[in-house]
Amino acid sequence: MTTTESLTISRVIDAPAKDIFDVLTLPRNHVSIDASEMVRGAEQGDQRIQAVGDVFSMDMFHEKMGGEYRMENHVTGLIENKLLAWRPAREGEEPGGWEWVYELEPEGSQATKVSLTYDWSEVRSSKFKSRFPILPAQVLEDTLAQLAARVSEK
């Protein structure tokens, strides 16, 4: 679903919600599941995300952002086996108002509907907001496909 300020893509993954949540809450896994190819590394790679308020850092690369940079992801939602959400910020800055949200909904004991939302509704700068969505829907679809592949390796 696309609105003027968010984009949500869903996919059923043949795995229990717990297995998917385990992959999502380990920052190092985001290097292999991020289809934008911007995520290059995770500083706290082996430290699991545990609570709202946690911050996990990602080494990133994008030409339009000046090459290499680091994002600090501020966890805004965490419900075990159901939800993981965060707001990114350039290192040392406050979050810019966009959020990534993974929602997990069991579909039986061995399958889970995973919804990935890219929401920029809280971006305040109209100049900056006019650039959204920075990533197309296909990147979210490919990210969920890569998440499914990563979970199957577990």
N, C-alpha and C. Protein backbone atom coordinates (compact mmCIF):
# COMPACT_ATOMS: atom_id res chain seq x y z
N MET A 1 0.84 -1.18 0.00
CA MET A 1 0.00 0.00 0.00
C MET A 1 0.88 1.24 0.00
N THR A 2 0.53 2.22 -0.81
CA THR A 2 1.27 3.46 -0.87
C THR A 2 0.34 4.61 -0.51
N THR A 3 0.79 5.49 0.35
CA THR A 3 0.08 6.74 0.59
C THR A 3 1.05 7.83 0.15
N THR A 4 0.68 9.06 0.36
CA THR A 4 1.59 10.13 -0.01
C THR A 4 2.75 10.25 0.97
N GLU A 5 2.66 9.58 2.11
CA GLU A 5 3.70 9.72 3.12
C GLU A 5 4.23 8.40 3.67
N SER A 6 3.82 7.29 3.07
CA SER A 6 4.35 6.00 3.51
C SER A 6 4.16 4.97 2.41
N LEU A 7 4.88 3.89 2.58
CA LEU A 7 4.83 2.78 1.65
C LEU A 7 4.91 1.51 2.47
N THR A 8 4.00 0.57 2.23
CA THR A 8 4.01 -0.70 2.95
C THR A 8 3.96 -1.84 1.94
N ILE A 9 4.86 -2.80 2.14
CA ILE A 9 4.92 -4.00 1.31
C ILE A 9 4.81 -5.19 2.25
N SER A 10 4.04 -6.20 1.88
CA SER A 10 3.88 -7.40 2.71
C SER A 10 4.23 -8.64 1.91
N ARG A 11 4.64 -9.66 2.65
CA ARG A 11 5.00 -10.95 2.04
C ARG A 11 4.85 -12.03 3.11
N VAL A 12 4.38 -13.19 2.72
CA VAL A 12 4.35 -14.32 3.64
C VAL A 12 5.69 -15.06 3.51
N ILE A 13 6.33 -15.25 4.65
CA ILE A 13 7.61 -15.96 4.71
C ILE A 13 7.37 -17.29 5.41
N ASP A 14 7.88 -18.36 4.82
CA ASP A 14 7.70 -19.70 5.38
C ASP A 14 8.64 -19.93 6.55
N ALA A 15 8.31 -19.30 7.67
CA ALA A 15 9.09 -19.44 8.90
C ALA A 15 8.25 -18.88 10.05
N PRO A 16 8.46 -19.41 11.26
CA PRO A 16 7.78 -18.86 12.42
C PRO A 16 8.23 -17.42 12.69
N ALA A 17 7.34 -16.63 13.27
CA ALA A 17 7.65 -15.23 13.59
C ALA A 17 8.91 -15.13 14.45
N LYS A 18 9.12 -16.07 15.36
CA LYS A 18 10.29 -16.03 16.24
C LYS A 18 11.59 -16.06 15.43
N ASP A 19 11.65 -16.91 14.41
CA ASP A 19 12.86 -17.01 13.59
C ASP A 19 13.12 -15.71 12.82
N ILE A 20 12.06 -15.11 12.32
CA ILE A 20 12.20 -13.85 11.57
C ILE A 20 12.62 -12.73 12.52
N PHE A 21 11.99 -12.67 13.69
CA PHE A 21 12.33 -11.66 14.69
C PHE A 21 13.79 -11.79 15.12
N ASP A 22 14.26 -13.02 15.27
CA ASP A 22 15.66 -13.25 15.63
C ASP A 22 16.61 -12.67 14.58
N VAL A 23 16.27 -12.82 13.31
CA VAL A 23 17.10 -12.26 12.24
C VAL A 23 17.05 -10.73 12.29
N LEU A 24 15.86 -10.17 12.43
CA LEU A 24 15.71 -8.71 12.40
C LEU A 24 16.37 -8.00 13.57
N THR A 25 16.40 -8.63 14.73
CA THR A 25 16.93 -7.95 15.92
C THR A 25 18.43 -8.11 16.10
N LEU A 26 19.10 -8.72 15.14
CA LEU A 26 20.56 -8.82 15.15
C LEU A 26 21.08 -7.89 14.05
N PRO A 27 21.60 -6.70 14.43
CA PRO A 27 21.96 -5.70 13.43
C PRO A 27 22.85 -6.20 12.28
N ARG A 28 23.75 -7.12 12.54
CA ARG A 28 24.64 -7.57 11.46
C ARG A 28 23.87 -8.19 10.30
N ASN A 29 22.69 -8.73 10.57
CA ASN A 29 21.89 -9.34 9.52
C ASN A 29 21.35 -8.34 8.51
N HIS A 30 21.27 -7.07 8.88
CA HIS A 30 20.70 -6.07 7.99
C HIS A 30 21.58 -5.82 6.77
N VAL A 31 22.85 -6.14 6.87
CA VAL A 31 23.74 -6.02 5.71
C VAL A 31 23.26 -6.96 4.61
N SER A 32 22.86 -8.18 4.98
CA SER A 32 22.46 -9.16 3.97
C SER A 32 21.00 -9.05 3.55
N ILE A 33 20.15 -8.38 4.34
CA ILE A 33 18.74 -8.29 3.95
C ILE A 33 18.39 -6.96 3.30
N ASP A 34 19.21 -5.94 3.45
CA ASP A 34 18.91 -4.62 2.88
C ASP A 34 19.14 -4.60 1.38
N ALA A 35 18.06 -4.49 0.62
CA ALA A 35 18.16 -4.53 -0.85
C ALA A 35 18.57 -3.20 -1.46
N SER A 36 18.64 -2.15 -0.67
CA SER A 36 19.09 -0.87 -1.22
C SER A 36 20.59 -0.88 -1.50
N GLU A 37 21.28 -1.83 -0.90
CA GLU A 37 22.74 -1.97 -1.00
C GLU A 37 23.47 -0.79 -0.37
N MET A 38 22.78 -0.04 0.48
CA MET A 38 23.40 1.09 1.16
C MET A 38 24.04 0.67 2.48
N VAL A 39 23.49 -0.36 3.14
CA VAL A 39 24.01 -0.81 4.42
C VAL A 39 25.28 -1.63 4.17
N ARG A 40 26.38 -1.22 4.79
CA ARG A 40 27.67 -1.88 4.57
C ARG A 40 28.18 -2.62 5.80
N GLY A 41 27.70 -2.25 6.98
CA GLY A 41 28.16 -2.91 8.19
C GLY A 41 27.36 -2.45 9.39
N ALA A 42 27.47 -3.20 10.48
CA ALA A 42 26.76 -2.86 11.71
C ALA A 42 27.76 -2.83 12.85
N GLU A 43 27.85 -1.68 13.51
CA GLU A 43 28.82 -1.51 14.59
C GLU A 43 28.57 -2.48 15.74
N GLN A 44 27.33 -2.63 16.16
CA GLN A 44 26.98 -3.55 17.24
C GLN A 44 26.44 -4.84 16.65
N GLY A 45 27.14 -5.40 15.70
CA GLY A 45 26.67 -6.53 14.93
C GLY A 45 26.19 -7.72 15.70
N ASP A 46 26.83 -8.04 16.82
CA ASP A 46 26.45 -9.22 17.59
C ASP A 46 25.60 -8.89 18.82
N GLN A 47 25.30 -7.62 19.00
CA GLN A 47 24.50 -7.20 20.15
C GLN A 47 23.04 -7.07 19.71
N ARG A 48 22.19 -7.92 20.22
CA ARG A 48 20.79 -7.96 19.81
C ARG A 48 20.04 -6.71 20.28
N ILE A 49 19.15 -6.22 19.44
CA ILE A 49 18.25 -5.12 19.80
C ILE A 49 17.30 -5.67 20.85
N GLN A 50 17.17 -4.94 21.99
CA GLN A 50 16.41 -5.51 23.10
C GLN A 50 15.25 -4.66 23.60
N ALA A 51 15.28 -3.33 23.32
CA ALA A 51 14.24 -2.49 23.91
C ALA A 51 14.06 -1.20 23.12
N VAL A 52 12.88 -0.62 23.27
CA VAL A 52 12.66 0.72 22.75
C VAL A 52 13.69 1.64 23.42
N GLY A 53 14.29 2.50 22.64
CA GLY A 53 15.33 3.39 23.15
C GLY A 53 16.73 2.92 22.80
N ASP A 54 16.88 1.64 22.45
CA ASP A 54 18.19 1.16 21.98
C ASP A 54 18.57 1.93 20.71
N VAL A 55 19.86 2.05 20.48
CA VAL A 55 20.37 2.66 19.26
C VAL A 55 21.38 1.70 18.66
N PHE A 56 21.19 1.38 17.38
CA PHE A 56 22.17 0.55 16.69
C PHE A 56 22.66 1.31 15.46
N SER A 57 23.95 1.24 15.22
CA SER A 57 24.57 2.02 14.15
C SER A 57 24.86 1.17 12.93
N MET A 58 24.71 1.79 11.77
CA MET A 58 24.98 1.12 10.50
C MET A 58 25.96 1.97 9.70
N ASP A 59 26.98 1.30 9.17
CA ASP A 59 27.86 1.94 8.21
C ASP A 59 27.16 1.89 6.87
N MET A 60 27.10 3.04 6.19
CA MET A 60 26.32 3.17 4.97
C MET A 60 27.18 3.73 3.85
N PHE A 61 26.67 3.58 2.62
CA PHE A 61 27.31 4.20 1.47
C PHE A 61 26.23 4.58 0.47
N HIS A 62 26.28 5.82 0.03
CA HIS A 62 25.40 6.28 -1.04
C HIS A 62 26.05 7.52 -1.65
N GLU A 63 26.18 7.50 -2.97
CA GLU A 63 26.82 8.63 -3.67
C GLU A 63 26.14 9.96 -3.34
N LYS A 64 24.80 9.98 -3.35
CA LYS A 64 24.06 11.22 -3.10
C LYS A 64 24.22 11.72 -1.67
N MET A 65 24.69 10.86 -0.78
CA MET A 65 24.91 11.26 0.62
C MET A 65 26.38 11.57 0.87
N GLY A 66 27.15 11.65 -0.19
CA GLY A 66 28.56 11.98 -0.05
C GLY A 66 29.47 10.79 0.12
N GLY A 67 28.99 9.60 -0.19
CA GLY A 67 29.81 8.40 -0.07
C GLY A 67 29.54 7.67 1.23
N GLU A 68 30.60 7.42 2.01
CA GLU A 68 30.45 6.68 3.28
C GLU A 68 29.94 7.59 4.39
N TYR A 69 29.04 7.04 5.20
CA TYR A 69 28.51 7.76 6.36
C TYR A 69 27.96 6.73 7.34
N ARG A 70 27.58 7.19 8.51
CA ARG A 70 27.03 6.29 9.54
C ARG A 70 25.66 6.80 9.97
N MET A 71 24.75 5.86 10.11
CA MET A 71 23.41 6.17 10.62
C MET A 71 23.24 5.52 11.99
N GLU A 72 22.61 6.27 12.88
CA GLU A 72 22.24 5.74 14.19
C GLU A 72 20.74 5.50 14.15
N ASN A 73 20.34 4.27 14.39
CA ASN A 73 18.93 3.89 14.30
C ASN A 73 18.34 3.81 15.71
N HIS A 74 17.38 4.69 15.98
CA HIS A 74 16.76 4.81 17.30
C HIS A 74 15.51 3.94 17.33
N VAL A 75 15.53 2.91 18.15
CA VAL A 75 14.42 1.95 18.21
C VAL A 75 13.20 2.63 18.83
N THR A 76 12.09 2.63 18.07
CA THR A 76 10.85 3.28 18.51
C THR A 76 9.75 2.28 18.82
N GLY A 77 9.94 1.04 18.41
CA GLY A 77 8.94 0.01 18.67
C GLY A 77 9.59 -1.35 18.72
N LEU A 78 9.25 -2.12 19.73
CA LEU A 78 9.77 -3.48 19.85
C LEU A 78 8.79 -4.31 20.65
N ILE A 79 8.18 -5.26 19.98
CA ILE A 79 7.31 -6.24 20.63
C ILE A 79 7.81 -7.60 20.16
N GLU A 80 8.26 -8.42 21.09
CA GLU A 80 8.88 -9.70 20.74
C GLU A 80 8.02 -10.50 19.77
N ASN A 81 8.67 -10.90 18.67
CA ASN A 81 8.06 -11.73 17.63
C ASN A 81 6.90 -11.05 16.88
N LYS A 82 6.75 -9.71 17.07
CA LYS A 82 5.64 -9.01 16.43
C LYS A 82 6.03 -7.71 15.73
N LEU A 83 6.99 -6.97 16.30
CA LEU A 83 7.24 -5.62 15.78
C LEU A 83 8.67 -5.17 16.06
N LEU A 84 9.26 -4.53 15.05
CA LEU A 84 10.53 -3.83 15.22
C LEU A 84 10.44 -2.56 14.39
N ALA A 85 10.68 -1.41 15.03
CA ALA A 85 10.63 -0.13 14.33
C ALA A 85 11.77 0.75 14.79
N TRP A 86 12.28 1.58 13.85
CA TRP A 86 13.33 2.52 14.22
C TRP A 86 13.29 3.75 13.34
N ARG A 87 13.86 4.83 13.88
CA ARG A 87 14.01 6.08 13.15
C ARG A 87 15.50 6.34 12.97
N PRO A 88 15.96 6.45 11.73
CA PRO A 88 17.37 6.70 11.46
C PRO A 88 17.74 8.17 11.66
N ALA A 89 19.01 8.37 11.99
CA ALA A 89 19.57 9.72 12.10
C ALA A 89 21.03 9.66 11.69
N ARG A 90 21.50 10.70 11.03
CA ARG A 90 22.93 10.79 10.78
C ARG A 90 23.63 10.77 12.13
N GLU A 91 24.82 10.20 12.18
CA GLU A 91 25.57 10.07 13.43
C GLU A 91 25.65 11.42 14.13
N GLY A 92 25.24 11.44 15.42
CA GLY A 92 25.31 12.64 16.24
C GLY A 92 24.14 13.60 16.06
N GLU A 93 23.18 13.25 15.20
CA GLU A 93 22.03 14.13 14.96
C GLU A 93 20.75 13.49 15.48
N GLU A 94 19.69 14.25 15.50
CA GLU A 94 18.37 13.74 15.87
C GLU A 94 17.73 13.08 14.65
N PRO A 95 16.85 12.09 14.87
CA PRO A 95 16.17 11.46 13.73
C PRO A 95 15.44 12.50 12.87
N GLY A 96 15.44 12.24 11.58
CA GLY A 96 14.88 13.19 10.62
C GLY A 96 13.39 13.07 10.38
N GLY A 97 12.73 12.09 11.00
CA GLY A 97 11.29 11.99 10.88
C GLY A 97 10.80 10.81 10.06
N TRP A 98 11.70 10.04 9.45
CA TRP A 98 11.24 8.85 8.73
C TRP A 98 11.48 7.63 9.60
N GLU A 99 10.72 6.58 9.34
CA GLU A 99 10.75 5.40 10.19
C GLU A 99 10.62 4.15 9.34
N TRP A 100 11.30 3.10 9.78
CA TRP A 100 11.20 1.76 9.20
C TRP A 100 10.48 0.88 10.22
N VAL A 101 9.47 0.15 9.77
CA VAL A 101 8.67 -0.68 10.67
C VAL A 101 8.48 -2.06 10.05
N TYR A 102 8.88 -3.08 10.81
CA TYR A 102 8.60 -4.48 10.44
C TYR A 102 7.51 -4.98 11.38
N GLU A 103 6.41 -5.49 10.81
CA GLU A 103 5.34 -6.09 11.60
C GLU A 103 5.22 -7.56 11.20
N LEU A 104 5.13 -8.43 12.19
CA LEU A 104 5.07 -9.88 11.97
C LEU A 104 3.73 -10.40 12.46
N GLU A 105 3.05 -11.12 11.58
CA GLU A 105 1.74 -11.68 11.92
C GLU A 105 1.74 -13.16 11.55
N PRO A 106 1.69 -14.06 12.56
CA PRO A 106 1.70 -15.49 12.26
C PRO A 106 0.56 -15.90 11.33
N GLU A 107 0.90 -16.80 10.41
CA GLU A 107 -0.08 -17.41 9.51
C GLU A 107 0.07 -18.91 9.69
N GLY A 108 -0.41 -19.41 10.82
CA GLY A 108 -0.17 -20.80 11.19
C GLY A 108 1.13 -20.87 11.98
N SER A 109 1.61 -22.09 12.21
CA SER A 109 2.81 -22.24 13.05
C SER A 109 4.11 -22.11 12.28
N GLN A 110 4.07 -22.23 10.95
CA GLN A 110 5.32 -22.23 10.17
C GLN A 110 5.37 -21.16 9.08
N ALA A 111 4.50 -20.16 9.16
CA ALA A 111 4.51 -19.07 8.18
C ALA A 111 4.14 -17.76 8.89
N THR A 112 4.67 -16.67 8.36
CA THR A 112 4.45 -15.36 8.96
C THR A 112 4.28 -14.32 7.87
N LYS A 113 3.23 -13.51 8.00
CA LYS A 113 3.07 -12.36 7.11
C LYS A 113 3.96 -11.25 7.68
N VAL A 114 4.91 -10.79 6.86
CA VAL A 114 5.81 -9.71 7.26
C VAL A 114 5.45 -8.48 6.45
N SER A 115 5.17 -7.39 7.15
CA SER A 115 4.89 -6.12 6.50
C SER A 115 6.03 -5.17 6.82
N LEU A 116 6.58 -4.55 5.79
CA LEU A 116 7.65 -3.58 5.94
C LEU A 116 7.11 -2.23 5.51
N THR A 117 7.11 -1.28 6.44
CA THR A 117 6.62 0.06 6.16
C THR A 117 7.77 1.05 6.19
N TYR A 118 7.79 1.90 5.20
CA TYR A 118 8.73 3.01 5.07
C TYR A 118 7.86 4.25 5.18
N ASP A 119 7.95 4.96 6.31
CA ASP A 119 7.04 6.05 6.63
C ASP A 119 7.83 7.34 6.79
N TRP A 120 7.48 8.35 6.01
CA TRP A 120 8.16 9.64 6.10
C TRP A 120 7.18 10.75 6.51
N SER A 121 6.08 10.38 7.15
CA SER A 121 5.04 11.34 7.51
C SER A 121 5.49 12.36 8.55
N GLU A 122 6.50 12.04 9.33
CA GLU A 122 6.97 12.96 10.38
C GLU A 122 8.14 13.83 9.95
N VAL A 123 8.55 13.73 8.68
CA VAL A 123 9.61 14.61 8.17
C VAL A 123 9.04 16.02 8.14
N ARG A 124 9.72 16.95 8.80
CA ARG A 124 9.21 18.33 8.94
C ARG A 124 9.69 19.28 7.85
N SER A 125 10.88 19.11 7.37
CA SER A 125 11.42 20.01 6.35
C SER A 125 10.74 19.73 5.01
N SER A 126 10.00 20.71 4.48
CA SER A 126 9.31 20.50 3.21
C SER A 126 10.30 20.29 2.07
N LYS A 127 11.45 20.94 2.14
CA LYS A 127 12.48 20.76 1.11
C LYS A 127 12.99 19.31 1.13
N PHE A 128 13.25 18.78 2.33
CA PHE A 128 13.74 17.42 2.47
C PHE A 128 12.63 16.42 2.15
N LYS A 129 11.41 16.71 2.63
CA LYS A 129 10.30 15.79 2.44
C LYS A 129 9.96 15.60 0.97
N SER A 130 10.21 16.62 0.16
CA SER A 130 9.89 16.52 -1.27
C SER A 130 10.74 15.46 -1.97
N ARG A 131 11.83 15.01 -1.34
CA ARG A 131 12.68 13.98 -1.94
C ARG A 131 12.17 12.56 -1.67
N PHE A 132 11.19 12.41 -0.79
CA PHE A 132 10.66 11.10 -0.44
C PHE A 132 9.60 10.66 -1.44
N PRO A 133 9.47 9.37 -1.66
CA PRO A 133 10.28 8.30 -1.10
C PRO A 133 11.65 8.24 -1.80
N ILE A 134 12.67 8.12 -1.01
CA ILE A 134 14.03 8.02 -1.54
C ILE A 134 14.24 6.64 -2.16
N LEU A 135 13.60 5.65 -1.60
CA LEU A 135 13.70 4.28 -2.11
C LEU A 135 12.36 3.85 -2.70
N PRO A 136 12.37 3.17 -3.85
CA PRO A 136 11.12 2.72 -4.47
C PRO A 136 10.58 1.45 -3.80
N ALA A 137 9.33 1.15 -4.11
CA ALA A 137 8.67 -0.03 -3.55
C ALA A 137 9.44 -1.31 -3.86
N GLN A 138 10.07 -1.38 -5.01
CA GLN A 138 10.82 -2.58 -5.39
C GLN A 138 11.92 -2.91 -4.38
N VAL A 139 12.54 -1.90 -3.80
CA VAL A 139 13.59 -2.13 -2.80
C VAL A 139 12.98 -2.80 -1.57
N LEU A 140 11.78 -2.39 -1.16
CA LEU A 140 11.14 -3.02 -0.01
C LEU A 140 10.77 -4.47 -0.35
N GLU A 141 10.25 -4.70 -1.56
CA GLU A 141 9.91 -6.06 -1.99
C GLU A 141 11.16 -6.94 -1.99
N ASP A 142 12.25 -6.42 -2.53
CA ASP A 142 13.49 -7.18 -2.58
C ASP A 142 14.07 -7.42 -1.19
N THR A 143 13.89 -6.45 -0.29
CA THR A 143 14.36 -6.62 1.08
C THR A 143 13.61 -7.77 1.75
N LEU A 144 12.30 -7.84 1.56
CA LEU A 144 11.54 -8.95 2.14
C LEU A 144 11.95 -10.28 1.52
N ALA A 145 12.27 -10.30 0.24
CA ALA A 145 12.75 -11.53 -0.40
C ALA A 145 14.09 -11.94 0.21
N GLN A 146 14.97 -10.97 0.43
CA GLN A 146 16.28 -11.28 1.02
C GLN A 146 16.13 -11.70 2.49
N LEU A 147 15.16 -11.11 3.19
CA LEU A 147 14.88 -11.55 4.56
C LEU A 147 14.42 -13.00 4.54
N ALA A 148 13.54 -13.36 3.62
CA ALA A 148 13.06 -14.75 3.52
C ALA A 148 14.23 -15.69 3.27
N ALA A 149 15.13 -15.31 2.40
CA ALA A 149 16.30 -16.15 2.10
C ALA A 149 17.20 -16.26 3.33
N ARG A 150 17.40 -15.18 4.04
CA ARG A 150 18.27 -15.18 5.22
C ARG A 150 17.68 -16.07 6.32
N VAL A 151 16.37 -15.98 6.51
CA VAL A 151 15.70 -16.79 7.54
C VAL A 151 15.81 -18.28 7.18
N SER A 152 15.72 -18.61 5.91
CA SER A 152 15.80 -20.02 5.50
C SER A 152 17.21 -20.60 5.73
N GLU A 153 18.22 -19.74 5.81
CA GLU A 153 19.60 -20.19 6.09
C GLU A 153 19.82 -20.54 7.55
N LYS A 154 18.96 -20.01 8.40
CA LYS A 154 19.09 -20.15 9.85
C LYS A 154 19.10 -21.58 10.30
